[in-house]
Amino acid sequence: MRQTTMAKPSTVVRQWFVVDGTGCTLGRLATEVATVLRGKHKPTYTPNVDCGDYVIIINADKIEITGDQVNKKNYYNHSQYKGGLRTRSTGIMRNQYTVEWVERAVHGMLPHTKLGNVMRGHLFVYKGSEHPHTAQQPVELKIKG
């Protein structure tokens, strides 16, 4: 008889992965990273347990986008006060707020719950090729496309 394996928080073994964003498309990168953060790449995946791994994204300023998203796509924030809507285009987000731009793309692909907030804390994004997590000995994660 087969038995379903349910992961427990105490038995989860976490790894560190590093992703080089040079030449990657933002959406494809975000989906792969979200899969690793959730733990769906593991055979012991359990939806109600944080069994994902840590992910470091380097060279975030070299991530590409396709089509005319630079001019047409906008990112919105609202302060909850009248007239408090702030609109930024993709070009502005990419040039001035690169880290937030990548984090928001991954954030949209994670669950919007307390568990998703914990998973979001396992993502580290850096503009350049250097990161302070060398002591964790991260393994390179290849992104297709």
Foldseek 3Di string as FASTA:
>chain_A
DDDQAADDQVPADAAEEEEEQAAAALLLVLVVLLCQLQPVVDSNRDNVYRNHYAYEYAQLLRHDHDDPQQPPPWDWDAPPDVVRIDIDGPVCCSPPVSVVSSLVSNLVVFDPDPSSVVSSVRYHYYNHPDDPPVVSVHHYDDGDD
